[in-house]
PDB file of N, CA and C in Angstrom:
ATOM      1  N   MET A   1       8.769  22.110  -2.116  1.00  0.00           N
ATOM      2  CA  MET A   1       8.414  20.890  -2.817  1.00  0.00           C
ATOM      3  C   MET A   1       7.458  20.070  -1.964  1.00  0.00           C
ATOM      4  N   SER A   2       6.345  19.676  -2.511  1.00  0.00           N
ATOM      5  CA  SER A   2       5.373  18.877  -1.760  1.00  0.00           C
ATOM      6  C   SER A   2       5.417  17.431  -2.247  1.00  0.00           C
ATOM      7  N   GLU A   3       5.414  16.540  -1.293  1.00  0.00           N
ATOM      8  CA  GLU A   3       5.440  15.114  -1.616  1.00  0.00           C
ATOM      9  C   GLU A   3       4.206  14.458  -1.029  1.00  0.00           C
ATOM     10  N   ASN A   4       3.422  13.844  -1.876  1.00  0.00           N
ATOM     11  CA  ASN A   4       2.230  13.146  -1.418  1.00  0.00           C
ATOM     12  C   ASN A   4       2.594  11.761  -0.926  1.00  0.00           C
ATOM     13  N   THR A   5       1.884  11.322   0.095  1.00  0.00           N
ATOM     14  CA  THR A   5       2.099   9.981   0.609  1.00  0.00           C
ATOM     15  C   THR A   5       0.782   9.226   0.608  1.00  0.00           C
ATOM     16  N   ILE A   6       0.896   7.921   0.585  1.00  0.00           N
ATOM     17  CA  ILE A   6      -0.260   7.033   0.618  1.00  0.00           C
ATOM     18  C   ILE A   6      -0.106   6.136   1.842  1.00  0.00           C
ATOM     19  N   THR A   7      -1.160   6.024   2.620  1.00  0.00           N
ATOM     20  CA  THR A   7      -1.172   5.106   3.749  1.00  0.00           C
ATOM     21  C   THR A   7      -1.969   3.876   3.342  1.00  0.00           C
ATOM     22  N   VAL A   8      -1.317   2.726   3.401  1.00  0.00           N
ATOM     23  CA  VAL A   8      -1.925   1.467   2.970  1.00  0.00           C
ATOM     24  C   VAL A   8      -2.099   0.579   4.194  1.00  0.00           C
ATOM     25  N   THR A   9      -3.301   0.037   4.363  1.00  0.00           N
ATOM     26  CA  THR A   9      -3.606  -0.854   5.485  1.00  0.00           C
ATOM     27  C   THR A   9      -4.173  -2.157   4.947  1.00  0.00           C
ATOM     28  N   GLN A  10      -3.647  -3.270   5.443  1.00  0.00           N
ATOM     29  CA  GLN A  10      -4.176  -4.566   5.035  1.00  0.00           C
ATOM     30  C   GLN A  10      -5.412  -4.871   5.860  1.00  0.00           C
ATOM     31  N   VAL A  11      -6.522  -5.195   5.179  1.00  0.00           N
ATOM     32  CA  VAL A  11      -7.784  -5.448   5.874  1.00  0.00           C
ATOM     33  C   VAL A  11      -8.286  -6.879   5.686  1.00  0.00           C
ATOM     34  N   ARG A  12      -7.709  -7.611   4.739  1.00  0.00           N
ATOM     35  CA  ARG A  12      -8.110  -9.002   4.530  1.00  0.00           C
ATOM     36  C   ARG A  12      -6.877  -9.884   4.478  1.00  0.00           C
ATOM     37  N   SER A  13      -7.064 -11.155   4.762  1.00  0.00           N
ATOM     38  CA  SER A  13      -5.978 -12.109   4.796  1.00  0.00           C
ATOM     39  C   SER A  13      -5.540 -12.507   3.391  1.00  0.00           C
ATOM     40  N   SER A  14      -4.275 -12.868   3.275  1.00  0.00           N
ATOM     41  CA  SER A  14      -3.752 -13.332   1.993  1.00  0.00           C
ATOM     42  C   SER A  14      -3.748 -14.860   1.901  1.00  0.00           C
ATOM     43  N   ILE A  15      -4.345 -15.527   2.884  1.00  0.00           N
ATOM     44  CA  ILE A  15      -4.422 -16.989   2.847  1.00  0.00           C
ATOM     45  C   ILE A  15      -5.268 -17.397   1.646  1.00  0.00           C
ATOM     46  N   GLY A  16      -4.757 -18.315   0.859  1.00  0.00           N
ATOM     47  CA  GLY A  16      -5.460 -18.776  -0.323  1.00  0.00           C
ATOM     48  C   GLY A  16      -5.177 -17.945  -1.561  1.00  0.00           C
ATOM     49  N   SER A  17      -4.410 -16.880  -1.398  1.00  0.00           N
ATOM     50  CA  SER A  17      -4.061 -16.037  -2.543  1.00  0.00           C
ATOM     51  C   SER A  17      -2.894 -16.643  -3.303  1.00  0.00           C
ATOM     52  N   LYS A  18      -2.718 -16.189  -4.528  1.00  0.00           N
ATOM     53  CA  LYS A  18      -1.607 -16.657  -5.338  1.00  0.00           C
ATOM     54  C   LYS A  18      -0.293 -16.090  -4.805  1.00  0.00           C
ATOM     55  N   PRO A  19       0.812 -16.769  -5.054  1.00  0.00           N
ATOM     56  CA  PRO A  19       2.106 -16.288  -4.569  1.00  0.00           C
ATOM     57  C   PRO A  19       2.450 -14.879  -5.049  1.00  0.00           C
ATOM     58  N   LYS A  20       2.045 -14.525  -6.251  1.00  0.00           N
ATOM     59  CA  LYS A  20       2.322 -13.182  -6.763  1.00  0.00           C
ATOM     60  C   LYS A  20       1.600 -12.118  -5.927  1.00  0.00           C
ATOM     61  N   THR A  21       0.394 -12.421  -5.499  1.00  0.00           N
ATOM     62  CA  THR A  21      -0.371 -11.500  -4.661  1.00  0.00           C
ATOM     63  C   THR A  21       0.297 -11.331  -3.304  1.00  0.00           C
ATOM     64  N   LYS A  22       0.747 -12.434  -2.722  1.00  0.00           N
ATOM     65  CA  LYS A  22       1.431 -12.369  -1.442  1.00  0.00           C
ATOM     66  C   LYS A  22       2.724 -11.578  -1.549  1.00  0.00           C
ATOM     67  N   GLY A  23       3.432 -11.745  -2.658  1.00  0.00           N
ATOM     68  CA  GLY A  23       4.663 -10.995  -2.882  1.00  0.00           C
ATOM     69  C   GLY A  23       4.411  -9.503  -3.015  1.00  0.00           C
ATOM     70  N   THR A  24       3.304  -9.149  -3.636  1.00  0.00           N
ATOM     71  CA  THR A  24       2.953  -7.738  -3.768  1.00  0.00           C
ATOM     72  C   THR A  24       2.666  -7.126  -2.404  1.00  0.00           C
ATOM     73  N   LEU A  25       1.973  -7.861  -1.546  1.00  0.00           N
ATOM     74  CA  LEU A  25       1.721  -7.366  -0.194  1.00  0.00           C
ATOM     75  C   LEU A  25       3.026  -7.164   0.564  1.00  0.00           C
ATOM     76  N   ARG A  26       3.941  -8.106   0.427  1.00  0.00           N
ATOM     77  CA  ARG A  26       5.238  -7.981   1.109  1.00  0.00           C
ATOM     78  C   ARG A  26       6.007  -6.776   0.580  1.00  0.00           C
ATOM     79  N   ALA A  27       5.925  -6.527  -0.722  1.00  0.00           N
ATOM     80  CA  ALA A  27       6.616  -5.383  -1.316  1.00  0.00           C
ATOM     81  C   ALA A  27       6.018  -4.061  -0.832  1.00  0.00           C
ATOM     82  N   LEU A  28       4.736  -4.075  -0.490  1.00  0.00           N
ATOM     83  CA  LEU A  28       4.094  -2.878   0.052  1.00  0.00           C
ATOM     84  C   LEU A  28       4.385  -2.711   1.543  1.00  0.00           C
ATOM     85  N   GLY A  29       5.070  -3.677   2.141  1.00  0.00           N
ATOM     86  CA  GLY A  29       5.410  -3.595   3.559  1.00  0.00           C
ATOM     87  C   GLY A  29       4.319  -4.125   4.466  1.00  0.00           C
ATOM     88  N   LEU A  30       3.448  -4.958   3.920  1.00  0.00           N
ATOM     89  CA  LEU A  30       2.353  -5.523   4.697  1.00  0.00           C
ATOM     90  C   LEU A  30       2.591  -7.017   4.879  1.00  0.00           C
ATOM     91  N   GLY A  31       1.784  -7.669   5.694  1.00  0.00           N
ATOM     92  CA  GLY A  31       1.970  -9.091   5.877  1.00  0.00           C
ATOM     93  C   GLY A  31       0.910  -9.709   6.760  1.00  0.00           C
ATOM     94  N   ARG A  32       0.227  -8.870   7.543  1.00  0.00           N
ATOM     95  CA  ARG A  32      -0.851  -9.392   8.369  1.00  0.00           C
ATOM     96  C   ARG A  32      -1.948  -8.334   8.479  1.00  0.00           C
ATOM     97  N   ILE A  33      -3.118  -8.778   8.850  1.00  0.00           N
ATOM     98  CA  ILE A  33      -4.275  -7.888   8.923  1.00  0.00           C
ATOM     99  C   ILE A  33      -4.019  -6.801   9.966  1.00  0.00           C
ATOM    100  N   GLY A  34      -4.332  -5.576   9.603  1.00  0.00           N
ATOM    101  CA  GLY A  34      -4.165  -4.448  10.511  1.00  0.00           C
ATOM    102  C   GLY A  34      -2.848  -3.719  10.364  1.00  0.00           C
ATOM    103  N   LYS A  35      -1.917  -4.284   9.648  1.00  0.00           N
ATOM    104  CA  LYS A  35      -0.615  -3.636   9.464  1.00  0.00           C
ATOM    105  C   LYS A  35      -0.762  -2.462   8.503  1.00  0.00           C
ATOM    106  N   THR A  36      -0.107  -1.347   8.817  1.00  0.00           N
ATOM    107  CA  THR A  36      -0.199  -0.123   8.037  1.00  0.00           C
ATOM    108  C   THR A  36       1.190   0.330   7.639  1.00  0.00           C
ATOM    109  N   ASN A  37       1.286   0.922   6.438  1.00  0.00           N
ATOM    110  CA  ASN A  37       2.560   1.427   5.952  1.00  0.00           C
ATOM    111  C   ASN A  37       2.310   2.697   5.153  1.00  0.00           C
ATOM    112  N   SER A  38       3.182   3.687   5.318  1.00  0.00           N
ATOM    113  CA  SER A  38       3.101   4.921   4.539  1.00  0.00           C
ATOM    114  C   SER A  38       4.125   4.856   3.419  1.00  0.00           C
ATOM    115  N   LEU A  39       3.676   5.112   2.208  1.00  0.00           N
ATOM    116  CA  LEU A  39       4.524   5.002   1.032  1.00  0.00           C
ATOM    117  C   LEU A  39       4.422   6.267   0.189  1.00  0.00           C
ATOM    118  N   PRO A  40       5.454   6.574  -0.593  1.00  0.00           N
ATOM    119  CA  PRO A  40       5.361   7.731  -1.495  1.00  0.00           C
ATOM    120  C   PRO A  40       4.372   7.464  -2.618  1.00  0.00           C
ATOM    121  N   ASP A  41       3.721   8.517  -3.074  1.00  0.00           N
ATOM    122  CA  ASP A  41       2.729   8.390  -4.150  1.00  0.00           C
ATOM    123  C   ASP A  41       3.455   8.417  -5.483  1.00  0.00           C
ATOM    124  N   ARG A  42       3.828   7.222  -5.960  1.00  0.00           N
ATOM    125  CA  ARG A  42       4.546   7.084  -7.233  1.00  0.00           C
ATOM    126  C   ARG A  42       3.832   6.059  -8.092  1.00  0.00           C
ATOM    127  N   PRO A  43       4.066   6.091  -9.400  1.00  0.00           N
ATOM    128  CA  PRO A  43       3.391   5.133 -10.291  1.00  0.00           C
ATOM    129  C   PRO A  43       3.669   3.671  -9.948  1.00  0.00           C
ATOM    130  N   GLU A  44       4.872   3.361  -9.475  1.00  0.00           N
ATOM    131  CA  GLU A  44       5.205   1.977  -9.133  1.00  0.00           C
ATOM    132  C   GLU A  44       4.342   1.487  -7.973  1.00  0.00           C
ATOM    133  N   ILE A  45       4.168   2.346  -6.999  1.00  0.00           N
ATOM    134  CA  ILE A  45       3.360   1.998  -5.833  1.00  0.00           C
ATOM    135  C   ILE A  45       1.890   1.867  -6.240  1.00  0.00           C
ATOM    136  N   ARG A  46       1.426   2.787  -7.078  1.00  0.00           N
ATOM    137  CA  ARG A  46       0.042   2.729  -7.565  1.00  0.00           C
ATOM    138  C   ARG A  46      -0.225   1.425  -8.319  1.00  0.00           C
ATOM    139  N   GLY A  47       0.752   0.957  -9.064  1.00  0.00           N
ATOM    140  CA  GLY A  47       0.602  -0.293  -9.792  1.00  0.00           C
ATOM    141  C   GLY A  47       0.483  -1.477  -8.856  1.00  0.00           C
ATOM    142  N   MET A  48       1.273  -1.472  -7.778  1.00  0.00           N
ATOM    143  CA  MET A  48       1.178  -2.555  -6.801  1.00  0.00           C
ATOM    144  C   MET A  48      -0.177  -2.523  -6.093  1.00  0.00           C
ATOM    145  N   ILE A  49      -0.657  -1.326  -5.781  1.00  0.00           N
ATOM    146  CA  ILE A  49      -1.954  -1.188  -5.128  1.00  0.00           C
ATOM    147  C   ILE A  49      -3.063  -1.702  -6.043  1.00  0.00           C
ATOM    148  N   ALA A  50      -2.929  -1.469  -7.331  1.00  0.00           N
ATOM    149  CA  ALA A  50      -3.948  -1.909  -8.290  1.00  0.00           C
ATOM    150  C   ALA A  50      -4.034  -3.430  -8.380  1.00  0.00           C
ATOM    151  N   ARG A  51      -2.979  -4.139  -7.996  1.00  0.00           N
ATOM    152  CA  ARG A  51      -2.986  -5.606  -8.042  1.00  0.00           C
ATOM    153  C   ARG A  51      -3.724  -6.232  -6.864  1.00  0.00           C
ATOM    154  N   VAL A  52      -3.809  -5.519  -5.734  1.00  0.00           N
ATOM    155  CA  VAL A  52      -4.397  -6.108  -4.522  1.00  0.00           C
ATOM    156  C   VAL A  52      -5.454  -5.204  -3.873  1.00  0.00           C
ATOM    157  N   PRO A  53      -6.354  -4.596  -4.641  1.00  0.00           N
ATOM    158  CA  PRO A  53      -7.322  -3.675  -4.015  1.00  0.00           C
ATOM    159  C   PRO A  53      -8.323  -4.370  -3.106  1.00  0.00           C
ATOM    160  N   HIS A  54      -8.509  -5.672  -3.289  1.00  0.00           N
ATOM    161  CA  HIS A  54      -9.468  -6.429  -2.488  1.00  0.00           C
ATOM    162  C   HIS A  54      -8.924  -6.801  -1.109  1.00  0.00           C
ATOM    163  N   LEU A  55      -7.635  -6.580  -0.876  1.00  0.00           N
ATOM    164  CA  LEU A  55      -7.029  -6.941   0.397  1.00  0.00           C
ATOM    165  C   LEU A  55      -6.636  -5.733   1.238  1.00  0.00           C
ATOM    166  N   ILE A  56      -6.661  -4.525   0.664  1.00  0.00           N
ATOM    167  CA  ILE A  56      -6.149  -3.344   1.349  1.00  0.00           C
ATOM    168  C   ILE A  56      -7.135  -2.183   1.281  1.00  0.00           C
ATOM    169  N   THR A  57      -6.892  -1.193   2.144  1.00  0.00           N
ATOM    170  CA  THR A  57      -7.552   0.103   2.022  1.00  0.00           C
ATOM    171  C   THR A  57      -6.458   1.147   1.875  1.00  0.00           C
ATOM    172  N   VAL A  58      -6.766   2.210   1.142  1.00  0.00           N
ATOM    173  CA  VAL A  58      -5.775   3.241   0.835  1.00  0.00           C
ATOM    174  C   VAL A  58      -6.300   4.591   1.301  1.00  0.00           C
ATOM    175  N   THR A  59      -5.431   5.344   1.974  1.00  0.00           N
ATOM    176  CA  THR A  59      -5.738   6.705   2.386  1.00  0.00           C
ATOM    177  C   THR A  59      -4.645   7.609   1.837  1.00  0.00           C
ATOM    178  N   GLU A  60      -5.041   8.662   1.148  1.00  0.00           N
ATOM    179  CA  GLU A  60      -4.067   9.586   0.576  1.00  0.00           C
ATOM    180  C   GLU A  60      -3.904  10.780   1.505  1.00  0.00           C
ATOM    181  N   SER A  61      -2.667  11.267   1.606  1.00  0.00           N
ATOM    182  CA  SER A  61      -2.407  12.460   2.393  1.00  0.00           C
ATOM    183  C   SER A  61      -1.294  13.248   1.727  1.00  0.00           C
ATOM    184  N   ALA A  62      -1.401  14.557   1.837  1.00  0.00           N
ATOM    185  CA  ALA A  62      -0.382  15.441   1.244  1.00  0.00           C
ATOM    186  C   ALA A  62       0.386  16.088   2.386  1.00  0.00           C
ATOM    187  N   SER A  63       1.688  15.880   2.389  1.00  0.00           N
ATOM    188  CA  SER A  63       2.539  16.533   3.370  1.00  0.00           C
ATOM    189  C   SER A  63       3.378  17.577   2.654  1.00  0.00           C
ATOM    190  N   THR A  64       3.368  18.779   3.175  1.00  0.00           N
ATOM    191  CA  THR A  64       4.121  19.851   2.545  1.00  0.00           C
ATOM    192  C   THR A  64       5.336  20.157   3.399  1.00  0.00           C
ATOM    193  N   LYS A  65       6.497  19.966   2.837  1.00  0.00           N
ATOM    194  CA  LYS A  65       7.753  20.223   3.536  1.00  0.00           C
ATOM    195  C   LYS A  65       8.472  21.370   2.841  1.00  0.00           C
ATOM    196  N   GLY A  66       8.873  22.347   3.608  1.00  0.00           N
ATOM    197  CA  GLY A  66       9.687  23.422   3.049  1.00  0.00           C
ATOM    198  C   GLY A  66       8.911  24.484   2.305  1.00  0.00           C
ATOM    199  N   GLU A  67       7.597  24.575   2.529  1.00  0.00           N
ATOM    200  CA  GLU A  67       6.834  25.631   1.858  1.00  0.00           C
ATOM    201  C   GLU A  67       6.508  26.712   2.838  1.00  0.00           C
TER     202      GLU A  67
END
């Protein structure tokens, strides 16, 4: 079974953003510039990424376990 992961890095500040945007960043495990988090590639995560594309960069990677 292969599980894809997404690496999300915050590249811009959330100062001046709406509270909902800041909450989305916190839900992604981010909070300050330069912070990185690896998350599973699921529709819920993709939806959160779609809300804050101007503040983050996304790198996709495929990890194969058990093949």
